[in-house]
Each structure stands twice: as structure tokens, then as C-alpha cells.
N, C-alpha and C. Protein backbone atom coordinates (compact mmCIF):
# COMPACT_ATOMS: atom_id res chain seq x y z
N UNK A 1 -42.46 5.90 -100.32
CA UNK A 1 -42.11 6.49 -101.40
C UNK A 1 -40.34 6.56 -101.77
N UNK A 2 -40.25 6.65 -102.81
CA UNK A 2 -39.38 6.26 -104.19
C UNK A 2 -38.32 6.88 -104.11
N UNK A 3 -37.63 6.45 -103.60
CA UNK A 3 -36.14 7.39 -103.84
C UNK A 3 -35.19 6.82 -104.23
N UNK A 4 -34.61 7.46 -105.16
CA UNK A 4 -33.42 7.23 -106.32
C UNK A 4 -32.28 7.63 -105.27
N UNK A 5 -31.45 7.84 -104.90
CA UNK A 5 -30.16 8.06 -104.45
C UNK A 5 -28.86 8.84 -105.72
N UNK A 6 -29.35 8.11 -107.11
CA UNK A 6 -28.70 8.77 -108.07
C UNK A 6 -29.36 9.88 -108.63
N UNK A 7 -30.68 10.76 -107.88
CA UNK A 7 -31.33 11.13 -109.14
C UNK A 7 -32.09 11.72 -108.08
N UNK A 8 -31.06 13.34 -108.27
CA UNK A 8 -31.38 14.37 -107.11
C UNK A 8 -32.26 14.79 -106.90
N UNK A 9 -33.39 15.09 -107.92
CA UNK A 9 -34.82 15.76 -107.97
C UNK A 9 -35.57 14.36 -107.30
N UNK A 10 -35.70 13.09 -106.84
CA UNK A 10 -35.62 11.97 -106.02
C UNK A 10 -35.90 11.89 -105.19
N UNK A 11 -34.65 13.00 -104.65
CA UNK A 11 -33.83 12.88 -103.26
C UNK A 11 -34.58 14.09 -102.59
N UNK A 12 -34.51 15.60 -103.11
CA UNK A 12 -35.53 16.53 -102.77
C UNK A 12 -36.94 15.91 -102.33
N UNK A 13 -37.75 15.27 -103.54
CA UNK A 13 -39.11 15.31 -103.25
C UNK A 13 -39.09 14.23 -102.09
N UNK A 14 -38.67 13.70 -101.82
CA UNK A 14 -38.69 12.55 -100.44
C UNK A 14 -38.24 13.58 -99.19
N UNK A 15 -37.27 14.56 -99.55
CA UNK A 15 -36.72 15.01 -98.42
C UNK A 15 -38.13 15.74 -97.88
N UNK A 16 -38.66 16.70 -99.10
CA UNK A 16 -39.99 17.16 -98.69
C UNK A 16 -41.33 16.74 -98.37
N UNK A 17 -40.91 15.62 -98.54
CA UNK A 17 -42.48 14.74 -98.55
C UNK A 17 -42.65 14.34 -96.98
N UNK A 18 -41.09 13.86 -96.55
CA UNK A 18 -41.24 13.33 -95.48
C UNK A 18 -41.04 14.18 -94.06
N UNK A 19 -41.93 14.90 -93.68
CA UNK A 19 -42.00 16.09 -92.95
C UNK A 19 -41.68 16.23 -91.84
N UNK A 20 -41.72 14.20 -91.17
CA UNK A 20 -42.01 14.33 -90.05
C UNK A 20 -40.49 13.54 -89.52
N UNK A 21 -39.98 13.23 -90.80
CA UNK A 21 -39.23 12.49 -90.17
C UNK A 21 -37.37 12.41 -89.23
N UNK A 22 -37.43 11.31 -88.11
CA UNK A 22 -36.49 11.47 -87.08
C UNK A 22 -35.48 10.51 -87.76
N UNK A 23 -35.66 9.77 -88.57
CA UNK A 23 -34.63 8.42 -88.46
C UNK A 23 -34.35 8.30 -90.11
N UNK A 24 -33.15 8.51 -90.34
CA UNK A 24 -32.91 8.14 -92.12
C UNK A 24 -32.02 7.01 -91.69
N UNK A 25 -32.35 5.83 -92.76
CA UNK A 25 -31.57 4.89 -92.75
C UNK A 25 -31.28 4.43 -94.57
N UNK A 26 -29.92 4.68 -93.91
CA UNK A 26 -29.63 4.87 -96.35
C UNK A 26 -29.20 3.07 -95.95
N UNK A 27 -29.25 3.00 -96.74
CA UNK A 27 -29.27 1.21 -97.02
C UNK A 27 -29.33 0.63 -98.83
N UNK A 28 -28.06 1.53 -99.59
CA UNK A 28 -28.56 0.71 -101.16
C UNK A 28 -26.77 1.27 -101.34
N UNK A 29 -26.75 -0.32 -102.09
CA UNK A 29 -25.69 -0.76 -103.18
C UNK A 29 -25.64 -1.11 -103.81
N UNK A 30 -24.49 -1.94 -104.69
CA UNK A 30 -24.17 -1.84 -106.00
C UNK A 30 -23.07 -2.36 -106.02
N UNK A 31 -22.91 -3.49 -106.66
CA UNK A 31 -21.72 -4.55 -106.38
C UNK A 31 -21.18 -4.53 -108.27
N UNK A 32 -20.37 -3.69 -108.69
CA UNK A 32 -19.97 -3.64 -110.16
C UNK A 32 -18.65 -5.09 -109.94
N UNK A 33 -18.01 -4.70 -108.57
CA UNK A 33 -16.50 -5.38 -109.04
C UNK A 33 -15.79 -5.12 -109.64
N UNK A 34 -15.91 -3.66 -110.41
CA UNK A 34 -14.16 -2.97 -110.86
C UNK A 34 -13.40 -3.56 -110.26
N UNK A 35 -12.20 -3.45 -110.69
CA UNK A 35 -11.14 -3.47 -110.10
C UNK A 35 -10.40 -1.85 -110.62
N UNK A 36 -10.09 -1.40 -109.33
CA UNK A 36 -9.42 0.24 -109.47
C UNK A 36 -8.81 0.40 -110.86
N UNK A 37 -7.83 -0.83 -110.72
CA UNK A 37 -6.45 -0.37 -111.90
C UNK A 37 -6.70 -1.02 -113.09
N UNK A 38 -8.01 -1.77 -113.46
CA UNK A 38 -7.86 -2.28 -114.52
C UNK A 38 -9.32 -2.55 -115.17
N UNK A 39 -10.39 -1.85 -114.79
CA UNK A 39 -11.17 -1.87 -115.04
C UNK A 39 -12.28 -0.40 -115.23
N UNK A 40 -12.96 -0.50 -115.99
CA UNK A 40 -13.45 0.62 -116.82
C UNK A 40 -14.26 1.53 -115.78
N UNK A 41 -13.80 2.65 -115.69
CA UNK A 41 -14.00 3.73 -115.09
C UNK A 41 -15.42 3.62 -114.74
N UNK A 42 -16.42 2.98 -115.72
CA UNK A 42 -18.20 4.03 -115.74
C UNK A 42 -18.48 3.13 -114.25
N UNK A 43 -17.99 1.62 -114.61
CA UNK A 43 -18.07 0.91 -113.63
C UNK A 43 -17.60 1.32 -112.39
N UNK A 44 -16.35 1.86 -111.98
CA UNK A 44 -15.97 2.33 -110.77
C UNK A 44 -16.54 3.71 -110.64
N UNK A 45 -16.61 4.33 -111.46
CA UNK A 45 -18.04 5.79 -110.92
C UNK A 45 -19.05 5.58 -110.60
N UNK A 46 -19.55 4.18 -110.95
CA UNK A 46 -21.31 3.87 -110.50
C UNK A 46 -20.96 3.39 -108.87
N UNK A 47 -20.20 2.28 -108.65
CA UNK A 47 -20.12 2.44 -107.61
C UNK A 47 -19.83 3.57 -106.72
N UNK A 48 -19.34 4.51 -106.76
CA UNK A 48 -18.55 5.72 -105.98
C UNK A 48 -19.92 6.73 -106.28
N UNK A 49 -20.91 6.39 -106.86
CA UNK A 49 -21.76 7.58 -107.16
C UNK A 49 -23.11 7.35 -105.81
N UNK A 50 -23.04 5.50 -106.21
CA UNK A 50 -23.68 4.75 -105.02
C UNK A 50 -23.51 4.96 -103.47
N UNK A 51 -22.35 4.18 -103.86
CA UNK A 51 -22.13 4.49 -102.13
C UNK A 51 -21.42 5.65 -101.48
N UNK A 52 -20.69 6.10 -101.81
CA UNK A 52 -19.95 7.76 -101.21
C UNK A 52 -21.35 8.89 -101.89
N UNK A 53 -21.07 9.18 -103.28
CA UNK A 53 -21.78 10.40 -103.22
C UNK A 53 -23.25 10.22 -103.25
N UNK A 54 -24.03 9.05 -103.63
CA UNK A 54 -25.53 9.22 -103.21
C UNK A 54 -25.86 9.31 -102.21
N UNK A 55 -25.12 8.51 -101.34
CA UNK A 55 -25.28 8.57 -99.86
C UNK A 55 -25.55 9.70 -99.10
N UNK A 56 -24.32 10.58 -99.45
CA UNK A 56 -24.43 11.46 -99.20
C UNK A 56 -24.87 12.96 -99.66
N UNK A 57 -25.54 12.14 -100.77
CA UNK A 57 -26.45 13.23 -101.38
C UNK A 57 -27.93 13.65 -100.25
N UNK A 58 -28.52 11.88 -99.96
CA UNK A 58 -29.31 11.75 -99.35
C UNK A 58 -29.38 12.44 -98.04
N UNK A 59 -27.91 12.26 -97.72
CA UNK A 59 -27.83 12.58 -95.70
C UNK A 59 -27.80 14.19 -95.88
N UNK A 60 -27.48 15.24 -96.91
CA UNK A 60 -27.13 16.70 -97.33
C UNK A 60 -28.92 16.98 -97.34
N UNK A 61 -29.44 16.17 -98.02
CA UNK A 61 -30.54 16.59 -98.32
C UNK A 61 -31.70 15.99 -96.78
N UNK A 62 -31.82 15.12 -96.69
CA UNK A 62 -32.29 14.85 -95.15
C UNK A 62 -31.83 15.47 -93.69
N UNK A 63 -30.48 15.92 -93.52
CA UNK A 63 -30.10 16.19 -92.24
C UNK A 63 -30.75 17.52 -91.92
N UNK A 64 -31.14 19.07 -92.46
CA UNK A 64 -31.84 20.18 -92.75
C UNK A 64 -33.45 20.03 -91.76
N UNK A 65 -33.82 18.82 -92.22
CA UNK A 65 -35.59 18.19 -91.88
C UNK A 65 -35.34 17.31 -90.70
N UNK A 66 -34.37 16.22 -90.26
CA UNK A 66 -34.06 15.86 -88.87
C UNK A 66 -33.74 17.04 -87.90
N UNK A 67 -32.84 18.12 -88.45
CA UNK A 67 -32.79 19.37 -87.60
C UNK A 67 -33.86 20.00 -87.04
N UNK A 68 -34.94 20.12 -87.74
CA UNK A 68 -35.95 21.39 -87.54
C UNK A 68 -36.98 20.08 -86.84
N UNK A 69 -36.87 19.09 -86.84
CA UNK A 69 -37.45 18.00 -86.39
C UNK A 69 -37.19 17.88 -84.52
N UNK A 70 -35.92 18.67 -84.44
CA UNK A 70 -35.47 18.43 -82.78
C UNK A 70 -34.51 17.23 -83.22
N UNK A 71 -34.03 17.27 -84.20
CA UNK A 71 -32.67 15.95 -83.99
C UNK A 71 -33.75 14.43 -84.68
N UNK A 72 -32.53 13.53 -84.25
CA UNK A 72 -32.63 12.30 -85.13
C UNK A 72 -31.72 11.42 -85.09
N UNK A 73 -31.44 10.68 -85.95
CA UNK A 73 -30.36 9.80 -86.49
C UNK A 73 -30.50 9.50 -87.85
N UNK A 74 -28.80 8.93 -88.21
CA UNK A 74 -28.69 8.70 -89.41
C UNK A 74 -27.73 7.39 -89.32
N UNK A 75 -28.84 6.28 -90.05
CA UNK A 75 -27.61 5.00 -89.82
C UNK A 75 -27.32 4.50 -91.24
N UNK A 76 -26.01 4.29 -91.43
CA UNK A 76 -25.97 3.82 -92.87
C UNK A 76 -25.52 2.20 -93.01
N UNK A 77 -26.18 1.90 -92.99
CA UNK A 77 -26.23 0.21 -93.25
C UNK A 77 -25.01 -0.10 -94.50
N UNK A 78 -23.93 -0.82 -93.70
CA UNK A 78 -22.83 -1.27 -94.83
C UNK A 78 -22.81 -2.57 -94.95
N UNK A 79 -23.00 -3.47 -96.41
CA UNK A 79 -22.62 -4.66 -96.68
C UNK A 79 -21.95 -5.10 -96.02
N UNK A 80 -21.44 -6.70 -95.54
CA UNK A 80 -20.42 -7.51 -95.35
C UNK A 80 -19.08 -7.39 -95.92
N UNK A 81 -19.40 -6.97 -97.05
CA UNK A 81 -17.85 -6.60 -98.18
C UNK A 81 -17.44 -5.48 -97.90
N UNK A 82 -17.51 -4.89 -96.53
CA UNK A 82 -17.22 -3.52 -96.53
C UNK A 82 -16.07 -4.19 -95.24
N UNK A 83 -15.97 -5.57 -94.02
CA UNK A 83 -15.51 -6.02 -93.71
C UNK A 83 -14.85 -7.00 -93.89
N UNK A 84 -15.32 -7.37 -94.09
CA UNK A 84 -14.71 -8.84 -95.50
C UNK A 84 -14.15 -9.12 -96.82
N UNK A 85 -12.93 -9.86 -96.41
CA UNK A 85 -12.60 -9.75 -98.35
C UNK A 85 -12.96 -11.12 -98.63
N UNK A 86 -13.44 -11.46 -99.83
CA UNK A 86 -13.56 -12.80 -100.24
C UNK A 86 -12.71 -12.94 -101.84
N UNK A 87 -12.50 -14.00 -101.96
CA UNK A 87 -11.98 -13.74 -103.60
C UNK A 87 -12.50 -12.76 -104.54
N UNK A 88 -14.22 -13.10 -104.36
CA UNK A 88 -15.13 -12.16 -105.42
C UNK A 88 -14.91 -10.71 -105.08
N UNK A 89 -14.67 -10.39 -103.82
CA UNK A 89 -14.81 -9.14 -103.56
C UNK A 89 -13.39 -8.73 -103.25
N UNK A 90 -12.54 -8.83 -103.35
CA UNK A 90 -11.00 -8.36 -102.88
C UNK A 90 -10.52 -8.12 -104.93
N UNK A 91 -9.62 -6.74 -104.34
CA UNK A 91 -8.98 -6.60 -105.58
C UNK A 91 -7.44 -6.65 -105.88
N UNK A 92 -7.46 -8.23 -107.02
CA UNK A 92 -6.06 -8.53 -106.85
C UNK A 92 -5.48 -7.82 -107.26
N UNK A 93 -3.90 -8.13 -107.68
CA UNK A 93 -2.71 -6.87 -107.63
C UNK A 93 -2.35 -7.21 -109.05
N UNK A 94 -3.25 -7.88 -109.78
CA UNK A 94 -2.72 -8.29 -111.16
C UNK A 94 -3.08 -7.10 -112.36
N UNK A 95 -2.76 -6.68 -113.23
CA UNK A 95 -4.05 -5.79 -113.70
C UNK A 95 -4.31 -6.23 -114.81
N UNK A 96 -4.62 -8.10 -115.13
CA UNK A 96 -4.88 -8.30 -116.13
C UNK A 96 -6.36 -9.06 -115.38
């Protein structure tokens, strides 16, 4: 089943197709490495759309289906970069 968390229609189609779902696993990500204070806001938006709003869209679409099936679980898988700072993944204080 195809699901693009940036595409409302594919999310709705997947939620409608998965009639017997009891487990939703969110495991999508992007890595633009955009610096919040210095880089292009479109890169920052891409990360936020993917990690925050995309995941939220999927949860909102599937939550009613999970409830109608008597409950279930939602698992959000995070990258190791969500809890480990690396020189490549951290945001320098410099604006340049």
C-alpha cells in the first residue's frame, strides 16, 4: 500500500483501505540539515511537513479506524538523530 505523508489523498486512501488496522507505524523522515536561523525556509518547512505535520496527518486519518476496530496502537519511530547530537546534525550558533 502506497502512503505519502505529504499527500492528503494518499493518506485518506490508505486509511480507507486498511479496514482491519490495529497498529499504525510512523517511520518516515527527511534530513535537509537546514539551519533554522540561516538556511532557506523551504528546507525547514520540508522537515516540519515531514516530521511534524505529515506524521500528525497520518495519525488523524488512522485514529478513527483504530477506534472503530476496538483500539490499537500507534508507534512513532524516531531516528537516532532525535536523541544524539553530531557535528553534521547539530545546529551551529553561527549564522554563516
